[in-house]
């Protein structure tokens, strides 16, 4: 494993797009996830209220709710991590480093393992970043303190890790099939933001869809990842929410991870890099 990590490090340590996208992801997550209270204060300064309730008293960063809130928001930016996967694979294809690795004795299974190790490390780093954001903002703004509250609902951090890793394996599969960075980045972005959400809404709500196939919406790759962490904010106007990570939804995403990795290996085996 250390040999595979060294190979990946040598490829990436001087590759500026990788570090730029990592920095952009970190910057976006830090700014957006930690600025909720500033946004509430801005709304208050503009005279906004929620049925007469001061927006600044909303406990966005109270433990343990902070873990649900910030992991839901951070999931929006996982598309940037998908772009990281795409540019690294396209870079491999462009400079034929995959073929060179094979010539040097690294088989395609090891190549895939090296990429999966990279994805795990990136997903882990993203989750650790969110943990520290939640810990710091919660320590500053939470009305309750103590380990009992701080370390409750940590399953949302696991869900964040799993969702990010699953999304990156999805991007890995697409990038291996079509190793053209520009085209794949646009396609992945449009699929994530537009095409699959529209398909999911169509399956759920179009009146002429058979009820027996509506369930397919919950099994779509990006939708199933989003379902790991449900929208938390309706709780603040006393609506019922799913405030836990469902085992069924975890299993669906794990199924996609297995599928993405298996198909990636088949593509690697059949392609002449």
C-alpha atoms as a PDB file:
ATOM      1  CA  UNK A   1       0.000   0.000   0.000  1.00  0.00           C
ATOM      2  CA  UNK A   2       2.824   2.415   0.822  1.00  0.00           C
ATOM      3  CA  UNK A   3       4.250   1.862  -2.671  1.00  0.00           C
ATOM      4  CA  UNK A   4       0.889   2.755  -4.248  1.00  0.00           C
ATOM      5  CA  UNK A   5       0.626   5.862  -2.079  1.00  0.00           C
ATOM      6  CA  UNK A   6       4.115   6.940  -3.115  1.00  0.00           C
ATOM      7  CA  UNK A   7       3.199   6.543  -6.782  1.00  0.00           C
ATOM      8  CA  UNK A   8       0.077   8.673  -6.366  1.00  0.00           C
ATOM      9  CA  UNK A   9       1.989  11.292  -4.403  1.00  0.00           C
ATOM     10  CA  UNK A  10       4.630  11.586  -7.119  1.00  0.00           C
ATOM     11  CA  UNK A  11       1.873  12.131  -9.685  1.00  0.00           C
ATOM     12  CA  UNK A  12      -0.027  14.741  -7.696  1.00  0.00           C
ATOM     13  CA  UNK A  13       2.482  16.708  -5.641  1.00  0.00           C
ATOM     14  CA  UNK A  14       3.257  19.075  -8.528  1.00  0.00           C
ATOM     15  CA  UNK A  15      -0.122  18.872 -10.279  1.00  0.00           C
ATOM     16  CA  UNK A  16      -1.608  22.331  -9.681  1.00  0.00           C
ATOM     17  CA  UNK A  17      -5.234  21.653 -10.797  1.00  0.00           C
ATOM     18  CA  UNK A  18      -5.510  18.981  -8.100  1.00  0.00           C
ATOM     19  CA  UNK A  19      -4.428  21.353  -5.343  1.00  0.00           C
ATOM     20  CA  UNK A  20      -6.489  24.237  -6.725  1.00  0.00           C
ATOM     21  CA  UNK A  21      -9.670  22.146  -6.666  1.00  0.00           C
ATOM     22  CA  UNK A  22      -8.862  20.816  -3.187  1.00  0.00           C
ATOM     23  CA  UNK A  23      -8.355  24.384  -1.972  1.00  0.00           C
ATOM     24  CA  UNK A  24     -11.529  25.583  -3.687  1.00  0.00           C
ATOM     25  CA  UNK A  25     -13.539  22.796  -2.053  1.00  0.00           C
ATOM     26  CA  UNK A  26     -12.103  23.578   1.384  1.00  0.00           C
ATOM     27  CA  UNK A  27     -12.713  27.308   0.941  1.00  0.00           C
ATOM     28  CA  UNK A  28     -16.325  26.838  -0.188  1.00  0.00           C
ATOM     29  CA  UNK A  29     -17.143  24.431   2.640  1.00  0.00           C
ATOM     30  CA  UNK A  30     -15.518  26.611   5.309  1.00  0.00           C
ATOM     31  CA  UNK A  31     -17.167  29.829   4.120  1.00  0.00           C
ATOM     32  CA  UNK A  32     -20.651  28.427   3.591  1.00  0.00           C
ATOM     33  CA  UNK A  33     -20.851  26.050   6.549  1.00  0.00           C
ATOM     34  CA  UNK A  34     -19.466  28.538   9.066  1.00  0.00           C
ATOM     35  CA  UNK A  35     -21.352  31.636   7.907  1.00  0.00           C
ATOM     36  CA  UNK A  36     -24.884  30.619   8.833  1.00  0.00           C
ATOM     37  CA  UNK A  37     -25.083  32.932  11.826  1.00  0.00           C
ATOM     38  CA  UNK A  38     -23.675  35.847   9.841  1.00  0.00           C
ATOM     39  CA  UNK A  39     -26.368  35.214   7.238  1.00  0.00           C
ATOM     40  CA  UNK A  40     -29.065  35.214   9.922  1.00  0.00           C
ATOM     41  CA  UNK A  41     -27.719  38.512  11.274  1.00  0.00           C
ATOM     42  CA  UNK A  42     -27.781  39.931   7.743  1.00  0.00           C
ATOM     43  CA  UNK A  43     -31.432  38.909   7.378  1.00  0.00           C
ATOM     44  CA  UNK A  44     -32.236  40.508  10.731  1.00  0.00           C
ATOM     45  CA  UNK A  45     -30.520  43.752   9.666  1.00  0.00           C
ATOM     46  CA  UNK A  46     -32.765  43.796   6.594  1.00  0.00           C
ATOM     47  CA  UNK A  47     -35.870  43.395   8.718  1.00  0.00           C
ATOM     48  CA  UNK A  48     -36.542  39.747   7.923  1.00  0.00           C
ATOM     49  CA  UNK A  49     -38.287  37.515  10.411  1.00  0.00           C
ATOM     50  CA  UNK A  50     -39.918  34.095  10.478  1.00  0.00           C
ATOM     51  CA  UNK A  51     -43.487  34.677  11.660  1.00  0.00           C
ATOM     52  CA  UNK A  52     -42.199  37.241  14.136  1.00  0.00           C
ATOM     53  CA  UNK A  53     -39.240  35.125  15.263  1.00  0.00           C
ATOM     54  CA  UNK A  54     -35.780  36.688  15.294  1.00  0.00           C
ATOM     55  CA  UNK A  55     -33.749  34.640  12.740  1.00  0.00           C
ATOM     56  CA  UNK A  56     -30.581  34.906  14.853  1.00  0.00           C
ATOM     57  CA  UNK A  57     -32.076  32.703  17.580  1.00  0.00           C
ATOM     58  CA  UNK A  58     -32.340  29.699  15.239  1.00  0.00           C
ATOM     59  CA  UNK A  59     -29.994  27.090  16.745  1.00  0.00           C
ATOM     60  CA  UNK A  60     -28.194  26.242  13.517  1.00  0.00           C
ATOM     61  CA  UNK A  61     -24.993  25.373  15.343  1.00  0.00           C
ATOM     62  CA  UNK A  62     -26.374  23.757  18.464  1.00  0.00           C
ATOM     63  CA  UNK A  63     -24.968  20.357  19.324  1.00  0.00           C
ATOM     64  CA  UNK A  64     -25.866  17.795  18.119  1.00  0.00           C
ATOM     65  CA  UNK A  65     -27.953  19.369  15.293  1.00  0.00           C
ATOM     66  CA  UNK A  66     -24.852  21.059  13.869  1.00  0.00           C
ATOM     67  CA  UNK A  67     -23.623  17.736  12.442  1.00  0.00           C
ATOM     68  CA  UNK A  68     -26.833  17.221  10.472  1.00  0.00           C
ATOM     69  CA  UNK A  69     -26.917  20.838   9.270  1.00  0.00           C
ATOM     70  CA  UNK A  70     -23.351  21.234   8.043  1.00  0.00           C
ATOM     71  CA  UNK A  71     -23.039  17.788   6.452  1.00  0.00           C
ATOM     72  CA  UNK A  72     -26.198  18.502   4.461  1.00  0.00           C
ATOM     73  CA  UNK A  73     -24.784  21.831   3.256  1.00  0.00           C
ATOM     74  CA  UNK A  74     -21.294  20.454   2.582  1.00  0.00           C
ATOM     75  CA  UNK A  75     -22.740  17.729   0.336  1.00  0.00           C
ATOM     76  CA  UNK A  76     -23.554  20.433  -2.214  1.00  0.00           C
ATOM     77  CA  UNK A  77     -19.840  20.882  -2.938  1.00  0.00           C
ATOM     78  CA  UNK A  78     -18.940  17.225  -3.470  1.00  0.00           C
ATOM     79  CA  UNK A  79     -19.171  17.870  -7.210  1.00  0.00           C
ATOM     80  CA  UNK A  80     -15.810  19.670  -6.877  1.00  0.00           C
ATOM     81  CA  UNK A  81     -14.303  16.462  -5.516  1.00  0.00           C
ATOM     82  CA  UNK A  82     -15.749  14.625  -8.495  1.00  0.00           C
ATOM     83  CA  UNK A  83     -13.900  17.079 -10.744  1.00  0.00           C
ATOM     84  CA  UNK A  84     -10.669  16.170  -8.934  1.00  0.00           C
ATOM     85  CA  UNK A  85     -11.156  12.535  -9.910  1.00  0.00           C
ATOM     86  CA  UNK A  86     -11.874  13.467 -13.512  1.00  0.00           C
ATOM     87  CA  UNK A  87      -8.805  15.654 -13.971  1.00  0.00           C
ATOM     88  CA  UNK A  88      -6.499  13.066 -12.402  1.00  0.00           C
ATOM     89  CA  UNK A  89      -7.797  10.290 -14.679  1.00  0.00           C
ATOM     90  CA  UNK A  90      -7.715  12.492 -17.787  1.00  0.00           C
ATOM     91  CA  UNK A  91      -4.176  13.480 -16.866  1.00  0.00           C
ATOM     92  CA  UNK A  92      -3.239   9.792 -16.674  1.00  0.00           C
ATOM     93  CA  UNK A  93      -4.782   9.168 -20.094  1.00  0.00           C
ATOM     94  CA  UNK A  94      -3.250  12.267 -21.659  1.00  0.00           C
ATOM     95  CA  UNK A  95       0.309  11.449 -20.610  1.00  0.00           C
ATOM     96  CA  UNK A  96      -0.202   7.665 -20.859  1.00  0.00           C
ATOM     97  CA  UNK A  97       1.009   7.118 -17.304  1.00  0.00           C
ATOM     98  CA  UNK A  98      -1.365   4.171 -16.921  1.00  0.00           C
ATOM     99  CA  UNK A  99       0.441   2.341 -19.737  1.00  0.00           C
ATOM    100  CA  UNK A 100       3.797   3.347 -18.303  1.00  0.00           C
ATOM    101  CA  UNK A 101       2.773   2.076 -14.865  1.00  0.00           C
ATOM    102  CA  UNK A 102       1.791  -1.261 -16.393  1.00  0.00           C
ATOM    103  CA  UNK A 103       5.109  -1.456 -18.263  1.00  0.00           C
ATOM    104  CA  UNK A 104       6.912  -0.731 -14.990  1.00  0.00           C
ATOM    105  CA  UNK A 105       5.174  -3.676 -13.314  1.00  0.00           C
ATOM    106  CA  UNK A 106       2.027  -2.135 -11.822  1.00  0.00           C
ATOM    107  CA  UNK A 107      -0.958  -4.200 -12.932  1.00  0.00           C
ATOM    108  CA  UNK A 108      -4.351  -2.632 -13.600  1.00  0.00           C
ATOM    109  CA  UNK A 109      -5.814  -3.973 -10.366  1.00  0.00           C
ATOM    110  CA  UNK A 110      -3.085  -2.177  -8.407  1.00  0.00           C
ATOM    111  CA  UNK A 111      -3.668   0.957 -10.454  1.00  0.00           C
ATOM    112  CA  UNK A 112      -7.334   0.905  -9.484  1.00  0.00           C
ATOM    113  CA  UNK A 113      -6.462   0.253  -5.840  1.00  0.00           C
ATOM    114  CA  UNK A 114      -4.111   3.246  -5.876  1.00  0.00           C
ATOM    115  CA  UNK A 115      -6.947   5.440  -7.156  1.00  0.00           C
ATOM    116  CA  UNK A 116      -9.358   4.086  -4.551  1.00  0.00           C
ATOM    117  CA  UNK A 117      -6.842   4.825  -1.800  1.00  0.00           C
ATOM    118  CA  UNK A 118      -6.648   8.386  -3.120  1.00  0.00           C
ATOM    119  CA  UNK A 119     -10.452   8.662  -3.087  1.00  0.00           C
ATOM    120  CA  UNK A 120     -10.633   7.335   0.469  1.00  0.00           C
ATOM    121  CA  UNK A 121      -8.024   9.834   1.646  1.00  0.00           C
ATOM    122  CA  UNK A 122      -9.773  12.747  -0.071  1.00  0.00           C
ATOM    123  CA  UNK A 123     -13.165  11.705   1.368  1.00  0.00           C
ATOM    124  CA  UNK A 124     -11.586  11.296   4.799  1.00  0.00           C
ATOM    125  CA  UNK A 125      -9.915  14.714   4.590  1.00  0.00           C
ATOM    126  CA  UNK A 126     -13.238  16.302   3.564  1.00  0.00           C
ATOM    127  CA  UNK A 127     -14.971  14.662   6.532  1.00  0.00           C
ATOM    128  CA  UNK A 128     -12.262  15.730   8.988  1.00  0.00           C
ATOM    129  CA  UNK A 129     -12.585  19.300   7.684  1.00  0.00           C
ATOM    130  CA  UNK A 130     -16.344  19.230   8.319  1.00  0.00           C
ATOM    131  CA  UNK A 131     -15.755  17.750  11.781  1.00  0.00           C
ATOM    132  CA  UNK A 132     -13.528  20.680  12.758  1.00  0.00           C
ATOM    133  CA  UNK A 133     -15.955  23.215  11.289  1.00  0.00           C
ATOM    134  CA  UNK A 134     -18.771  21.691  13.326  1.00  0.00           C
ATOM    135  CA  UNK A 135     -16.645  21.477  16.462  1.00  0.00           C
ATOM    136  CA  UNK A 136     -15.524  25.108  16.248  1.00  0.00           C
ATOM    137  CA  UNK A 137     -18.866  26.651  15.258  1.00  0.00           C
ATOM    138  CA  UNK A 138     -20.676  24.509  17.807  1.00  0.00           C
ATOM    139  CA  UNK A 139     -18.248  25.541  20.550  1.00  0.00           C
ATOM    140  CA  UNK A 140     -18.867  29.203  19.681  1.00  0.00           C
ATOM    141  CA  UNK A 141     -22.640  29.229  19.102  1.00  0.00           C
ATOM    142  CA  UNK A 142     -24.171  26.149  20.724  1.00  0.00           C
ATOM    143  CA  UNK A 143     -26.391  26.697  23.741  1.00  0.00           C
ATOM    144  CA  UNK A 144     -25.516  23.241  25.058  1.00  0.00           C
ATOM    145  CA  UNK A 145     -22.048  21.844  25.640  1.00  0.00           C
ATOM    146  CA  UNK A 146     -20.504  18.637  26.921  1.00  0.00           C
ATOM    147  CA  UNK A 147     -19.309  15.414  25.308  1.00  0.00           C
ATOM    148  CA  UNK A 148     -22.808  13.919  25.505  1.00  0.00           C
ATOM    149  CA  UNK A 149     -24.050  16.495  23.008  1.00  0.00           C
ATOM    150  CA  UNK A 150     -20.877  17.123  21.027  1.00  0.00           C
ATOM    151  CA  UNK A 151     -20.407  13.490  20.026  1.00  0.00           C
ATOM    152  CA  UNK A 152     -24.059  12.682  19.461  1.00  0.00           C
ATOM    153  CA  UNK A 153     -25.342  12.236  15.882  1.00  0.00           C
ATOM    154  CA  UNK A 154     -21.845  11.557  14.563  1.00  0.00           C
ATOM    155  CA  UNK A 155     -23.431   9.127  12.109  1.00  0.00           C
ATOM    156  CA  UNK A 156     -23.916  12.130   9.820  1.00  0.00           C
ATOM    157  CA  UNK A 157     -20.143  12.413   9.481  1.00  0.00           C
ATOM    158  CA  UNK A 158     -20.001   8.764   8.425  1.00  0.00           C
ATOM    159  CA  UNK A 159     -22.805   9.469   5.939  1.00  0.00           C
ATOM    160  CA  UNK A 160     -20.823  12.418   4.593  1.00  0.00           C
ATOM    161  CA  UNK A 161     -17.744  10.225   4.118  1.00  0.00           C
ATOM    162  CA  UNK A 162     -19.753   7.506   2.391  1.00  0.00           C
ATOM    163  CA  UNK A 163     -21.607   9.966   0.156  1.00  0.00           C
ATOM    164  CA  UNK A 164     -18.413  11.719  -0.941  1.00  0.00           C
ATOM    165  CA  UNK A 165     -16.593   8.433  -1.579  1.00  0.00           C
ATOM    166  CA  UNK A 166     -19.546   7.014  -3.543  1.00  0.00           C
ATOM    167  CA  UNK A 167     -19.773  10.154  -5.661  1.00  0.00           C
ATOM    168  CA  UNK A 168     -16.066  10.034  -6.447  1.00  0.00           C
ATOM    169  CA  UNK A 169     -16.271   6.365  -7.469  1.00  0.00           C
ATOM    170  CA  UNK A 170     -19.126   7.388  -9.793  1.00  0.00           C
ATOM    171  CA  UNK A 171     -16.899  10.110 -11.262  1.00  0.00           C
ATOM    172  CA  UNK A 172     -14.050   7.593 -11.531  1.00  0.00           C
ATOM    173  CA  UNK A 173     -16.169   5.219 -13.611  1.00  0.00           C
ATOM    174  CA  UNK A 174     -17.294   7.989 -15.967  1.00  0.00           C
ATOM    175  CA  UNK A 175     -13.757   9.337 -16.329  1.00  0.00           C
ATOM    176  CA  UNK A 176     -12.420   5.885 -17.189  1.00  0.00           C
ATOM    177  CA  UNK A 177     -15.085   5.432 -19.853  1.00  0.00           C
ATOM    178  CA  UNK A 178     -14.597   8.937 -21.322  1.00  0.00           C
ATOM    179  CA  UNK A 179     -11.174  10.288 -20.281  1.00  0.00           C
ATOM    180  CA  UNK A 180     -11.756  13.794 -21.668  1.00  0.00           C
ATOM    181  CA  UNK A 181     -11.728  16.215 -18.776  1.00  0.00           C
ATOM    182  CA  UNK A 182     -13.691  19.134 -20.230  1.00  0.00           C
ATOM    183  CA  UNK A 183     -16.503  17.030 -21.642  1.00  0.00           C
ATOM    184  CA  UNK A 184     -16.799  14.815 -18.583  1.00  0.00           C
ATOM    185  CA  UNK A 185     -16.716  17.713 -16.097  1.00  0.00           C
ATOM    186  CA  UNK A 186     -19.582  19.452 -17.901  1.00  0.00           C
ATOM    187  CA  UNK A 187     -21.474  16.164 -18.222  1.00  0.00           C
ATOM    188  CA  UNK A 188     -21.023  15.239 -14.561  1.00  0.00           C
ATOM    189  CA  UNK A 189     -22.057  18.708 -13.415  1.00  0.00           C
ATOM    190  CA  UNK A 190     -25.170  18.736 -15.603  1.00  0.00           C
ATOM    191  CA  UNK A 191     -26.110  15.195 -14.614  1.00  0.00           C
ATOM    192  CA  UNK A 192     -25.700  15.958 -10.900  1.00  0.00           C
ATOM    193  CA  UNK A 193     -27.430  19.344 -10.873  1.00  0.00           C
ATOM    194  CA  UNK A 194     -30.010  19.003 -13.677  1.00  0.00           C
ATOM    195  CA  UNK A 195     -30.611  15.656 -15.366  1.00  0.00           C
ATOM    196  CA  UNK A 196     -30.915  13.255 -12.449  1.00  0.00           C
ATOM    197  CA  UNK A 197     -32.888  15.667 -10.190  1.00  0.00           C
ATOM    198  CA  UNK A 198     -35.386  16.174 -13.035  1.00  0.00           C
ATOM    199  CA  UNK A 199     -35.592  12.412 -13.599  1.00  0.00           C
ATOM    200  CA  UNK A 200     -36.164  11.835  -9.873  1.00  0.00           C
ATOM    201  CA  UNK A 201     -38.943  14.458  -9.707  1.00  0.00           C
ATOM    202  CA  UNK A 202     -40.533  12.967 -12.842  1.00  0.00           C
ATOM    203  CA  UNK A 203     -40.522   9.459 -11.375  1.00  0.00           C
ATOM    204  CA  UNK A 204     -41.915  10.635  -8.047  1.00  0.00           C
ATOM    205  CA  UNK A 205     -44.631  12.997  -9.204  1.00  0.00           C
ATOM    206  CA  UNK A 206     -45.642  12.426 -12.832  1.00  0.00           C
ATOM    207  CA  UNK A 207     -49.253  11.155 -12.573  1.00  0.00           C
ATOM    208  CA  UNK A 208     -49.004   8.563 -15.345  1.00  0.00           C
ATOM    209  CA  UNK A 209     -46.015   6.744 -13.848  1.00  0.00           C
ATOM    210  CA  UNK A 210     -46.894   3.316 -12.504  1.00  0.00           C
ATOM    211  CA  UNK A 211     -46.678   3.284  -8.701  1.00  0.00           C
ATOM    212  CA  UNK A 212     -44.710   0.056  -8.886  1.00  0.00           C
ATOM    213  CA  UNK A 213     -41.747   1.811 -10.542  1.00  0.00           C
ATOM    214  CA  UNK A 214     -41.778   5.114  -8.640  1.00  0.00           C
ATOM    215  CA  UNK A 215     -39.351   3.588  -6.143  1.00  0.00           C
ATOM    216  CA  UNK A 216     -36.630   3.693  -8.829  1.00  0.00           C
ATOM    217  CA  UNK A 217     -36.104   7.383  -8.023  1.00  0.00           C
ATOM    218  CA  UNK A 218     -34.627   6.464  -4.642  1.00  0.00           C
ATOM    219  CA  UNK A 219     -32.105   4.117  -6.287  1.00  0.00           C
ATOM    220  CA  UNK A 220     -30.613   6.596  -8.766  1.00  0.00           C
ATOM    221  CA  UNK A 221     -26.889   7.083  -8.035  1.00  0.00           C
ATOM    222  CA  UNK A 222     -26.777  10.749  -7.003  1.00  0.00           C
ATOM    223  CA  UNK A 223     -30.258  10.765  -5.447  1.00  0.00           C
ATOM    224  CA  UNK A 224     -29.405   7.777  -3.259  1.00  0.00           C
ATOM    225  CA  UNK A 225     -26.302   9.627  -2.036  1.00  0.00           C
ATOM    226  CA  UNK A 226     -28.386  12.710  -1.250  1.00  0.00           C
ATOM    227  CA  UNK A 227     -30.852  10.539   0.668  1.00  0.00           C
ATOM    228  CA  UNK A 228     -28.138   9.654   3.176  1.00  0.00           C
ATOM    229  CA  UNK A 229     -28.586  13.095   4.750  1.00  0.00           C
ATOM    230  CA  UNK A 230     -32.113  14.506   4.551  1.00  0.00           C
ATOM    231  CA  UNK A 231     -32.976  18.203   4.654  1.00  0.00           C
ATOM    232  CA  UNK A 232     -32.616  19.308   8.302  1.00  0.00           C
ATOM    233  CA  UNK A 233     -34.020  22.838   8.270  1.00  0.00           C
ATOM    234  CA  UNK A 234     -37.788  22.160   8.382  1.00  0.00           C
ATOM    235  CA  UNK A 235     -37.250  21.250  12.055  1.00  0.00           C
ATOM    236  CA  UNK A 236     -36.976  24.968  12.763  1.00  0.00           C
ATOM    237  CA  UNK A 237     -40.568  25.563  11.771  1.00  0.00           C
ATOM    238  CA  UNK A 238     -41.741  22.452  13.633  1.00  0.00           C
ATOM    239  CA  UNK A 239     -42.010  20.088  10.666  1.00  0.00           C
ATOM    240  CA  UNK A 240     -41.095  16.457  11.004  1.00  0.00           C
ATOM    241  CA  UNK A 241     -37.744  15.448   9.498  1.00  0.00           C
ATOM    242  CA  UNK A 242     -35.600  12.334   9.259  1.00  0.00           C
ATOM    243  CA  UNK A 243     -32.909  13.161  11.812  1.00  0.00           C
ATOM    244  CA  UNK A 244     -30.937   9.936  11.478  1.00  0.00           C
ATOM    245  CA  UNK A 245     -29.027   7.997   8.827  1.00  0.00           C
ATOM    246  CA  UNK A 246     -31.118   5.106   7.512  1.00  0.00           C
ATOM    247  CA  UNK A 247     -29.452   1.688   7.238  1.00  0.00           C
ATOM    248  CA  UNK A 248     -31.453   0.993   4.072  1.00  0.00           C
ATOM    249  CA  UNK A 249     -30.100   4.139   2.417  1.00  0.00           C
ATOM    250  CA  UNK A 250     -26.548   3.262   3.482  1.00  0.00           C
ATOM    251  CA  UNK A 251     -26.917  -0.192   1.884  1.00  0.00           C
ATOM    252  CA  UNK A 252     -28.182   1.333  -1.389  1.00  0.00           C
ATOM    253  CA  UNK A 253     -25.154   3.639  -1.583  1.00  0.00           C
ATOM    254  CA  UNK A 254     -22.782   0.794  -0.699  1.00  0.00           C
ATOM    255  CA  UNK A 255     -24.341  -1.147  -3.572  1.00  0.00           C
ATOM    256  CA  UNK A 256     -23.493   1.709  -5.936  1.00  0.00           C
ATOM    257  CA  UNK A 257     -19.934   1.818  -4.584  1.00  0.00           C
ATOM    258  CA  UNK A 258     -19.487  -1.881  -5.351  1.00  0.00           C
ATOM    259  CA  UNK A 259     -21.014  -1.405  -8.816  1.00  0.00           C
ATOM    260  CA  UNK A 260     -18.841   1.630  -9.633  1.00  0.00           C
ATOM    261  CA  UNK A 261     -15.631  -0.075  -8.540  1.00  0.00           C
ATOM    262  CA  UNK A 262     -16.455  -3.346 -10.312  1.00  0.00           C
ATOM    263  CA  UNK A 263     -17.319  -1.584 -13.560  1.00  0.00           C
ATOM    264  CA  UNK A 264     -14.213   0.596 -13.282  1.00  0.00           C
ATOM    265  CA  UNK A 265     -12.085  -2.541 -13.072  1.00  0.00           C
ATOM    266  CA  UNK A 266     -13.801  -4.060 -16.112  1.00  0.00           C
ATOM    267  CA  UNK A 267     -13.260  -0.868 -18.105  1.00  0.00           C
ATOM    268  CA  UNK A 268      -9.580  -0.813 -17.099  1.00  0.00           C
ATOM    269  CA  UNK A 269      -9.147  -4.449 -18.150  1.00  0.00           C
ATOM    270  CA  UNK A 270     -10.754  -3.992 -21.555  1.00  0.00           C
ATOM    271  CA  UNK A 271      -9.241  -0.636 -22.501  1.00  0.00           C
ATOM    272  CA  UNK A 272      -5.851  -0.434 -24.168  1.00  0.00           C
ATOM    273  CA  UNK A 273      -4.313   2.492 -22.370  1.00  0.00           C
END
